[in-house]
Amino acid sequence: SVTRRILLGDDSKVLKPTFSHKYAYRGLIPMDKAVEAVGDALARNAQQHLGHHGHVLTFPIEKGKTMNVVAFRNKDGDWEDERWVLPTKKEDMINDFAGWGESVQRIISLMENPDVWALFDHPPAPTYYKGRFAILGDAAHASTPHQGAGAGQAIEDAYIITHLLGRVNCVDDIEDAFRAYDAVRRPRSQKVVVTSRDAASLYEFEDETVGTDLDLLKKNLETRMNWIWDEDLVQQLKTAQDTMGLKSNA
């Protein structure tokens, strides 16, 4: 992000995104073929298939006409290519999921012309603003997709910062608004980045505490994202406004 570079400087150790050591094959399957391969229930409802060092996510799109497939795997070392999205050979994808369950192998076999996506995220920035300049969304806290929360955090950023800027009465107030935005949004959004990586470790039986204990995994998954989903945005805004020194009218 150019804006992130302007804010943090070219020499910042947290300027560039970091490879998460995971990548994903992505592809589409016509729903009629998916139903024929794995049955109506598995094809037409969102599913997540878990395995060692990988997981496969499927869900219907295009009003149920197509199955979207995202198949995650691990990679040791760095991502060498400058491009983060690459065409890939179907045989490489099939080999990556050899030995997985029958449903997964059938799904993988139906994916034509898949791409492989390298998954990066941002190290935690020490600030989201400087003077009258601020960043938000992926420029501030790009995340891996394992909690489905990246876009939601950008929306929360926008909700807070626009309401704060709506209370600005003079130029000097702008920095106060950004300071309050940073104080409220940076800890929460950076926690999403960290816990997204943690979620992938759970899905792929890499968590040191949970491992392959399915009861512990179930218990963890039932509640681990409540803090994301059940956030009180009105209260979050009030906290930001109080930090800015304004009374909330929310």
C-alpha atoms as a PDB file:
ATOM      1  CA  SER A   1       0.000   0.000   0.000  1.00  0.00           C
ATOM      2  CA  VAL A   2       1.359   3.400  -1.002  1.00  0.00           C
ATOM      3  CA  THR A   3      -0.523   5.025   1.860  1.00  0.00           C
ATOM      4  CA  ARG A   4       0.967   2.587   4.384  1.00  0.00           C
ATOM      5  CA  ARG A   5       4.447   3.409   3.062  1.00  0.00           C
ATOM      6  CA  ILE A   6       3.775   7.140   3.392  1.00  0.00           C
ATOM      7  CA  LEU A   7       2.632   6.664   6.979  1.00  0.00           C
ATOM      8  CA  LEU A   8       5.263   4.221   8.237  1.00  0.00           C
ATOM      9  CA  GLY A   9       8.248   5.043   6.024  1.00  0.00           C
ATOM     10  CA  ASP A  10      10.289   2.909   3.651  1.00  0.00           C
ATOM     11  CA  ASP A  11      12.533   1.599   6.439  1.00  0.00           C
ATOM     12  CA  SER A  12       9.741   0.350   8.693  1.00  0.00           C
ATOM     13  CA  LYS A  13      10.029  -3.318   9.665  1.00  0.00           C
ATOM     14  CA  VAL A  14       6.233  -3.651   9.561  1.00  0.00           C
ATOM     15  CA  LEU A  15       5.710  -1.933   6.208  1.00  0.00           C
ATOM     16  CA  LYS A  16       5.359  -4.973   3.983  1.00  0.00           C
ATOM     17  CA  PRO A  17       2.882  -7.847   4.343  1.00  0.00           C
ATOM     18  CA  THR A  18       4.213 -11.173   5.588  1.00  0.00           C
ATOM     19  CA  PHE A  19       3.636 -14.579   3.998  1.00  0.00           C
ATOM     20  CA  SER A  20       1.494 -16.660   6.353  1.00  0.00           C
ATOM     21  CA  HIS A  21       2.970 -19.953   5.097  1.00  0.00           C
ATOM     22  CA  LYS A  22      -0.395 -20.900   3.658  1.00  0.00           C
ATOM     23  CA  TYR A  23      -1.800 -20.783   0.160  1.00  0.00           C
ATOM     24  CA  ALA A  24      -5.154 -21.651  -1.358  1.00  0.00           C
ATOM     25  CA  TYR A  25      -6.369 -23.208  -4.578  1.00  0.00           C
ATOM     26  CA  ARG A  26      -9.509 -21.491  -5.829  1.00  0.00           C
ATOM     27  CA  GLY A  27     -11.980 -22.686  -8.414  1.00  0.00           C
ATOM     28  CA  LEU A  28     -15.635 -22.990  -9.399  1.00  0.00           C
ATOM     29  CA  ILE A  29     -17.762 -26.071 -10.055  1.00  0.00           C
ATOM     30  CA  PRO A  30     -21.206 -26.085 -11.715  1.00  0.00           C
ATOM     31  CA  MET A  31     -23.672 -26.990  -8.973  1.00  0.00           C
ATOM     32  CA  ASP A  32     -25.212 -29.887 -10.892  1.00  0.00           C
ATOM     33  CA  LYS A  33     -21.796 -31.552 -11.108  1.00  0.00           C
ATOM     34  CA  ALA A  34     -21.104 -30.841  -7.435  1.00  0.00           C
ATOM     35  CA  VAL A  35     -24.432 -32.398  -6.403  1.00  0.00           C
ATOM     36  CA  GLU A  36     -23.694 -35.459  -8.507  1.00  0.00           C
ATOM     37  CA  ALA A  37     -20.271 -35.808  -6.878  1.00  0.00           C
ATOM     38  CA  VAL A  38     -21.024 -35.254  -3.173  1.00  0.00           C
ATOM     39  CA  GLY A  39     -24.799 -35.122  -2.816  1.00  0.00           C
ATOM     40  CA  ASP A  40     -27.296 -32.326  -2.418  1.00  0.00           C
ATOM     41  CA  ALA A  41     -26.657 -31.518   1.258  1.00  0.00           C
ATOM     42  CA  LEU A  42     -22.875 -31.216   1.004  1.00  0.00           C
ATOM     43  CA  ALA A  43     -22.994 -29.315  -2.267  1.00  0.00           C
ATOM     44  CA  ARG A  44     -25.727 -26.781  -1.534  1.00  0.00           C
ATOM     45  CA  ASN A  45     -24.685 -25.879   2.013  1.00  0.00           C
ATOM     46  CA  ALA A  46     -21.442 -24.281   3.155  1.00  0.00           C
ATOM     47  CA  GLN A  47     -18.954 -26.900   4.328  1.00  0.00           C
ATOM     48  CA  GLN A  48     -15.477 -26.897   5.812  1.00  0.00           C
ATOM     49  CA  HIS A  49     -13.449 -30.092   5.535  1.00  0.00           C
ATOM     50  CA  LEU A  50     -10.588 -30.263   8.048  1.00  0.00           C
ATOM     51  CA  GLY A  51      -7.298 -32.106   7.703  1.00  0.00           C
ATOM     52  CA  HIS A  52      -3.658 -32.110   8.706  1.00  0.00           C
ATOM     53  CA  HIS A  53      -1.960 -28.956   7.413  1.00  0.00           C
ATOM     54  CA  GLY A  54      -4.888 -28.004   5.208  1.00  0.00           C
ATOM     55  CA  HIS A  55      -8.637 -27.433   4.988  1.00  0.00           C
ATOM     56  CA  VAL A  56     -11.199 -27.115   2.207  1.00  0.00           C
ATOM     57  CA  LEU A  57     -14.025 -24.580   2.233  1.00  0.00           C
ATOM     58  CA  THR A  58     -17.015 -24.852  -0.126  1.00  0.00           C
ATOM     59  CA  PHE A  59     -20.151 -22.750  -0.450  1.00  0.00           C
ATOM     60  CA  PRO A  60     -22.781 -21.950  -3.098  1.00  0.00           C
ATOM     61  CA  ILE A  61     -22.639 -18.716  -5.105  1.00  0.00           C
ATOM     62  CA  GLU A  62     -24.509 -17.239  -8.087  1.00  0.00           C
ATOM     63  CA  LYS A  63     -27.903 -17.953  -6.504  1.00  0.00           C
ATOM     64  CA  GLY A  64     -26.956 -21.578  -5.974  1.00  0.00           C
ATOM     65  CA  LYS A  65     -25.848 -22.273  -9.533  1.00  0.00           C
ATOM     66  CA  THR A  66     -22.156 -22.693  -8.683  1.00  0.00           C
ATOM     67  CA  MET A  67     -20.018 -24.164  -5.918  1.00  0.00           C
ATOM     68  CA  ASN A  68     -17.095 -21.973  -4.873  1.00  0.00           C
ATOM     69  CA  VAL A  69     -14.085 -23.950  -3.636  1.00  0.00           C
ATOM     70  CA  VAL A  70     -11.149 -22.662  -1.581  1.00  0.00           C
ATOM     71  CA  ALA A  71      -8.639 -25.389  -0.705  1.00  0.00           C
ATOM     72  CA  PHE A  72      -5.919 -24.349   1.764  1.00  0.00           C
ATOM     73  CA  ARG A  73      -2.492 -25.932   2.235  1.00  0.00           C
ATOM     74  CA  ASN A  74       0.762 -25.144   4.039  1.00  0.00           C
ATOM     75  CA  LYS A  75       4.074 -24.065   2.555  1.00  0.00           C
ATOM     76  CA  ASP A  76       7.375 -23.978   4.416  1.00  0.00           C
ATOM     77  CA  GLY A  77       9.709 -21.099   3.699  1.00  0.00           C
ATOM     78  CA  ASP A  78       8.977 -17.962   1.734  1.00  0.00           C
ATOM     79  CA  TRP A  79       6.724 -17.283  -1.236  1.00  0.00           C
ATOM     80  CA  GLU A  80       9.263 -16.796  -4.006  1.00  0.00           C
ATOM     81  CA  ASP A  81       7.110 -15.356  -6.802  1.00  0.00           C
ATOM     82  CA  GLU A  82       6.358 -11.633  -6.935  1.00  0.00           C
ATOM     83  CA  ARG A  83       2.812 -12.512  -7.965  1.00  0.00           C
ATOM     84  CA  TRP A  84       0.428 -13.656  -5.263  1.00  0.00           C
ATOM     85  CA  VAL A  85      -2.099 -15.256  -7.625  1.00  0.00           C
ATOM     86  CA  LEU A  86      -0.815 -17.814 -10.111  1.00  0.00           C
ATOM     87  CA  PRO A  87      -2.298 -20.336 -12.531  1.00  0.00           C
ATOM     88  CA  THR A  88      -1.533 -23.862 -11.391  1.00  0.00           C
ATOM     89  CA  LYS A  89      -1.593 -27.401 -12.700  1.00  0.00           C
ATOM     90  CA  LYS A  90      -4.548 -29.502 -11.689  1.00  0.00           C
ATOM     91  CA  GLU A  91      -2.228 -32.426 -10.969  1.00  0.00           C
ATOM     92  CA  ASP A  92      -0.359 -30.352  -8.353  1.00  0.00           C
ATOM     93  CA  MET A  93      -3.631 -29.630  -6.589  1.00  0.00           C
ATOM     94  CA  ILE A  94      -4.683 -33.289  -6.730  1.00  0.00           C
ATOM     95  CA  ASN A  95      -1.311 -34.352  -5.304  1.00  0.00           C
ATOM     96  CA  ASP A  96      -1.646 -31.815  -2.487  1.00  0.00           C
ATOM     97  CA  PHE A  97      -4.876 -33.497  -1.353  1.00  0.00           C
ATOM     98  CA  ALA A  98      -3.959 -37.115  -2.003  1.00  0.00           C
ATOM     99  CA  GLY A  99      -5.122 -39.283   0.887  1.00  0.00           C
ATOM    100  CA  TRP A 100      -7.907 -36.915   1.947  1.00  0.00           C
ATOM    101  CA  GLY A 101     -11.515 -38.054   2.266  1.00  0.00           C
ATOM    102  CA  GLU A 102     -13.577 -39.153  -0.702  1.00  0.00           C
ATOM    103  CA  SER A 103     -15.742 -36.019  -0.759  1.00  0.00           C
ATOM    104  CA  VAL A 104     -12.718 -33.724  -0.859  1.00  0.00           C
ATOM    105  CA  GLN A 105     -11.037 -35.720  -3.600  1.00  0.00           C
ATOM    106  CA  ARG A 106     -14.196 -35.657  -5.709  1.00  0.00           C
ATOM    107  CA  ILE A 107     -14.490 -31.900  -5.275  1.00  0.00           C
ATOM    108  CA  ILE A 108     -10.830 -31.360  -6.144  1.00  0.00           C
ATOM    109  CA  SER A 109     -11.137 -33.539  -9.239  1.00  0.00           C
ATOM    110  CA  LEU A 110     -13.919 -31.313 -10.600  1.00  0.00           C
ATOM    111  CA  MET A 111     -11.994 -28.040 -10.311  1.00  0.00           C
ATOM    112  CA  GLU A 112     -10.912 -26.896 -13.772  1.00  0.00           C
ATOM    113  CA  ASN A 113      -8.322 -24.166 -14.390  1.00  0.00           C
ATOM    114  CA  PRO A 114      -7.691 -23.443 -10.707  1.00  0.00           C
ATOM    115  CA  ASP A 115      -5.571 -20.571  -9.440  1.00  0.00           C
ATOM    116  CA  VAL A 116      -3.311 -20.693  -6.410  1.00  0.00           C
ATOM    117  CA  TRP A 117      -3.377 -17.715  -4.039  1.00  0.00           C
ATOM    118  CA  ALA A 118      -0.581 -16.904  -1.599  1.00  0.00           C
ATOM    119  CA  LEU A 119      -1.956 -15.691   1.738  1.00  0.00           C
ATOM    120  CA  PHE A 120      -0.268 -12.680   3.325  1.00  0.00           C
ATOM    121  CA  ASP A 121      -1.121 -10.442   6.263  1.00  0.00           C
ATOM    122  CA  HIS A 122       0.251  -7.281   7.841  1.00  0.00           C
ATOM    123  CA  PRO A 123       2.513  -7.161  10.885  1.00  0.00           C
ATOM    124  CA  PRO A 124       1.028  -4.833  13.519  1.00  0.00           C
ATOM    125  CA  ALA A 125       1.639  -1.175  12.707  1.00  0.00           C
ATOM    126  CA  PRO A 126       2.522   1.089  15.661  1.00  0.00           C
ATOM    127  CA  THR A 127      -0.048   3.638  14.498  1.00  0.00           C
ATOM    128  CA  TYR A 128      -2.800   4.119  11.919  1.00  0.00           C
ATOM    129  CA  TYR A 129      -2.352   7.897  11.659  1.00  0.00           C
ATOM    130  CA  LYS A 130       0.188  10.698  11.576  1.00  0.00           C
ATOM    131  CA  GLY A 131      -0.948  14.286  11.728  1.00  0.00           C
ATOM    132  CA  ARG A 132      -3.877  14.691   9.352  1.00  0.00           C
ATOM    133  CA  PHE A 133      -3.185  11.448   7.484  1.00  0.00           C
ATOM    134  CA  ALA A 134      -4.720   8.063   8.351  1.00  0.00           C
ATOM    135  CA  ILE A 135      -5.067   4.565   6.904  1.00  0.00           C
ATOM    136  CA  LEU A 136      -7.854   2.026   7.269  1.00  0.00           C
ATOM    137  CA  GLY A 137      -8.971  -1.332   5.899  1.00  0.00           C
ATOM    138  CA  ASP A 138      -6.361  -3.528   4.224  1.00  0.00           C
ATOM    139  CA  ALA A 139      -3.836  -0.688   4.163  1.00  0.00           C
ATOM    140  CA  ALA A 140      -3.926  -0.763   7.962  1.00  0.00           C
ATOM    141  CA  HIS A 141      -4.546  -4.411   8.868  1.00  0.00           C
ATOM    142  CA  ALA A 142      -4.661  -6.830   5.928  1.00  0.00           C
ATOM    143  CA  SER A 143      -5.621 -10.260   7.261  1.00  0.00           C
ATOM    144  CA  THR A 144      -5.754 -13.859   6.166  1.00  0.00           C
ATOM    145  CA  PRO A 145      -9.334 -15.011   5.416  1.00  0.00           C
ATOM    146  CA  HIS A 146      -9.754 -17.716   8.049  1.00  0.00           C
ATOM    147  CA  GLN A 147     -12.395 -15.870  10.092  1.00  0.00           C
ATOM    148  CA  GLY A 148     -14.171 -14.119   7.232  1.00  0.00           C
ATOM    149  CA  ALA A 149     -13.671 -10.864   9.123  1.00  0.00           C
ATOM    150  CA  GLY A 150     -11.405  -8.681   6.983  1.00  0.00           C
ATOM    151  CA  ALA A 151     -14.112  -6.775   5.126  1.00  0.00           C
ATOM    152  CA  GLY A 152     -16.116  -6.368   8.321  1.00  0.00           C
ATOM    153  CA  GLN A 153     -13.161  -4.705  10.026  1.00  0.00           C
ATOM    154  CA  ALA A 154     -12.844  -2.247   7.148  1.00  0.00           C
ATOM    155  CA  ILE A 155     -16.540  -1.410   7.556  1.00  0.00           C
ATOM    156  CA  GLU A 156     -16.037  -0.857  11.286  1.00  0.00           C
ATOM    157  CA  ASP A 157     -13.085   1.427  10.480  1.00  0.00           C
ATOM    158  CA  ALA A 158     -15.262   3.437   8.108  1.00  0.00           C
ATOM    159  CA  TYR A 159     -18.130   3.640  10.613  1.00  0.00           C
ATOM    160  CA  ILE A 160     -15.911   5.021  13.353  1.00  0.00           C
ATOM    161  CA  ILE A 161     -13.783   7.380  11.293  1.00  0.00           C
ATOM    162  CA  THR A 162     -16.671   8.935   9.358  1.00  0.00           C
ATOM    163  CA  HIS A 163     -18.651   9.644  12.524  1.00  0.00           C
ATOM    164  CA  LEU A 164     -15.590  11.188  14.143  1.00  0.00           C
ATOM    165  CA  LEU A 165     -14.830  13.330  11.106  1.00  0.00           C
ATOM    166  CA  GLY A 166     -18.464  14.398  11.076  1.00  0.00           C
ATOM    167  CA  ARG A 167     -17.814  16.100  14.425  1.00  0.00           C
ATOM    168  CA  VAL A 168     -14.772  18.042  13.216  1.00  0.00           C
ATOM    169  CA  ASN A 169     -15.260  21.807  13.542  1.00  0.00           C
ATOM    170  CA  CYS A 170     -11.781  23.056  12.672  1.00  0.00           C
ATOM    171  CA  VAL A 171      -8.520  21.818  11.180  1.00  0.00           C
ATOM    172  CA  ASP A 172      -7.043  21.047  14.584  1.00  0.00           C
ATOM    173  CA  ASP A 173      -9.907  18.636  15.304  1.00  0.00           C
ATOM    174  CA  ILE A 174      -8.832  16.320  12.470  1.00  0.00           C
ATOM    175  CA  GLU A 175      -5.813  14.986  14.322  1.00  0.00           C
ATOM    176  CA  ASP A 176      -7.942  14.504  17.444  1.00  0.00           C
ATOM    177  CA  ALA A 177     -10.393  12.453  15.367  1.00  0.00           C
ATOM    178  CA  PHE A 178      -7.614  10.282  13.951  1.00  0.00           C
ATOM    179  CA  ARG A 179      -6.059   9.822  17.390  1.00  0.00           C
ATOM    180  CA  ALA A 180      -9.390   8.544  18.731  1.00  0.00           C
ATOM    181  CA  TYR A 181      -9.895   6.324  15.674  1.00  0.00           C
ATOM    182  CA  ASP A 182      -6.437   4.808  16.178  1.00  0.00           C
ATOM    183  CA  ALA A 183      -6.975   4.234  19.892  1.00  0.00           C
ATOM    184  CA  VAL A 184     -10.223   2.331  19.343  1.00  0.00           C
ATOM    185  CA  ARG A 185      -9.691   0.555  16.042  1.00  0.00           C
ATOM    186  CA  ARG A 186      -6.039  -0.506  16.050  1.00  0.00           C
ATOM    187  CA  PRO A 187      -6.124  -3.008  18.959  1.00  0.00           C
ATOM    188  CA  ARG A 188      -9.316  -4.704  17.757  1.00  0.00           C
ATOM    189  CA  SER A 189      -8.377  -4.915  14.076  1.00  0.00           C
ATOM    190  CA  GLN A 190      -4.881  -6.196  14.835  1.00  0.00           C
ATOM    191  CA  LYS A 191      -6.350  -8.859  17.111  1.00  0.00           C
ATOM    192  CA  VAL A 192      -8.389 -10.075  14.123  1.00  0.00           C
ATOM    193  CA  VAL A 193      -5.170 -10.529  12.127  1.00  0.00           C
ATOM    194  CA  VAL A 194      -3.588 -12.629  14.888  1.00  0.00           C
ATOM    195  CA  THR A 195      -6.658 -14.738  15.631  1.00  0.00           C
ATOM    196  CA  SER A 196      -7.209 -15.414  11.922  1.00  0.00           C
ATOM    197  CA  ARG A 197      -3.854 -17.177  11.814  1.00  0.00           C
ATOM    198  CA  ASP A 198      -4.796 -19.003  15.012  1.00  0.00           C
ATOM    199  CA  ALA A 199      -8.060 -20.138  13.412  1.00  0.00           C
ATOM    200  CA  ALA A 200      -6.201 -21.712  10.501  1.00  0.00           C
ATOM    201  CA  SER A 201      -4.026 -23.610  12.972  1.00  0.00           C
ATOM    202  CA  LEU A 202      -7.173 -24.981  14.604  1.00  0.00           C
ATOM    203  CA  TYR A 203      -8.748 -26.020  11.308  1.00  0.00           C
ATOM    204  CA  GLU A 204      -5.552 -27.804  10.291  1.00  0.00           C
ATOM    205  CA  PHE A 205      -4.864 -29.625  13.587  1.00  0.00           C
ATOM    206  CA  GLU A 206      -1.744 -27.546  14.264  1.00  0.00           C
ATOM    207  CA  ASP A 207      -2.846 -25.895  17.509  1.00  0.00           C
ATOM    208  CA  GLU A 208      -0.621 -27.141  20.335  1.00  0.00           C
ATOM    209  CA  THR A 209      -3.458 -27.287  22.861  1.00  0.00           C
ATOM    210  CA  VAL A 210      -6.352 -28.577  20.742  1.00  0.00           C
ATOM    211  CA  GLY A 211      -4.489 -30.734  18.227  1.00  0.00           C
ATOM    212  CA  THR A 212      -6.808 -33.431  16.853  1.00  0.00           C
ATOM    213  CA  ASP A 213      -9.159 -33.460  19.857  1.00  0.00           C
ATOM    214  CA  LEU A 214     -12.473 -32.891  18.073  1.00  0.00           C
ATOM    215  CA  ASP A 215     -14.370 -32.166  21.286  1.00  0.00           C
ATOM    216  CA  LEU A 216     -11.950 -29.379  22.197  1.00  0.00           C
ATOM    217  CA  LEU A 217     -12.046 -28.135  18.623  1.00  0.00           C
ATOM    218  CA  LYS A 218     -15.843 -28.004  18.631  1.00  0.00           C
ATOM    219  CA  LYS A 219     -15.885 -26.168  21.961  1.00  0.00           C
ATOM    220  CA  ASN A 220     -13.375 -23.622  20.685  1.00  0.00           C
ATOM    221  CA  LEU A 221     -15.164 -22.999  17.392  1.00  0.00           C
ATOM    222  CA  GLU A 222     -18.539 -22.520  19.075  1.00  0.00           C
ATOM    223  CA  THR A 223     -17.393 -19.353  20.830  1.00  0.00           C
ATOM    224  CA  ARG A 224     -14.068 -18.153  19.398  1.00  0.00           C
ATOM    225  CA  MET A 225     -15.570 -15.552  17.051  1.00  0.00           C
ATOM    226  CA  ASN A 226     -18.281 -14.164  19.332  1.00  0.00           C
ATOM    227  CA  TRP A 227     -16.094 -11.160  20.159  1.00  0.00           C
ATOM    228  CA  ILE A 228     -16.005 -10.335  16.432  1.00  0.00           C
ATOM    229  CA  TRP A 229     -19.668 -10.947  15.655  1.00  0.00           C
ATOM    230  CA  ASP A 230     -21.251  -9.506  18.808  1.00  0.00           C
ATOM    231  CA  GLU A 231     -19.377  -6.215  18.984  1.00  0.00           C
ATOM    232  CA  ASP A 232     -21.449  -3.238  20.144  1.00  0.00           C
ATOM    233  CA  LEU A 233     -20.556  -0.651  17.504  1.00  0.00           C
ATOM    234  CA  VAL A 234     -22.574   2.071  19.202  1.00  0.00           C
ATOM    235  CA  GLN A 235     -20.483   1.591  22.338  1.00  0.00           C
ATOM    236  CA  GLN A 236     -17.307   1.439  20.258  1.00  0.00           C
ATOM    237  CA  LEU A 237     -18.215   4.779  18.691  1.00  0.00           C
ATOM    238  CA  LYS A 238     -19.009   6.293  22.093  1.00  0.00           C
ATOM    239  CA  THR A 239     -15.590   5.218  23.348  1.00  0.00           C
ATOM    240  CA  ALA A 240     -13.965   6.835  20.324  1.00  0.00           C
ATOM    241  CA  GLN A 241     -15.963  10.032  20.791  1.00  0.00           C
ATOM    242  CA  ASP A 242     -15.073  10.151  24.478  1.00  0.00           C
ATOM    243  CA  THR A 243     -11.429   9.727  23.526  1.00  0.00           C
ATOM    244  CA  MET A 244     -11.778  12.623  21.100  1.00  0.00           C
ATOM    245  CA  GLY A 245     -13.429  14.664  23.818  1.00  0.00           C
ATOM    246  CA  LEU A 246     -16.916  14.743  22.348  1.00  0.00           C
ATOM    247  CA  LYS A 247     -20.292  13.752  23.699  1.00  0.00           C
ATOM    248  CA  SER A 248     -21.929  10.899  21.809  1.00  0.00           C
ATOM    249  CA  ASN A 249     -25.253  11.466  20.102  1.00  0.00           C
ATOM    250  CA  ALA A 250     -25.397   7.888  18.746  1.00  0.00           C
END
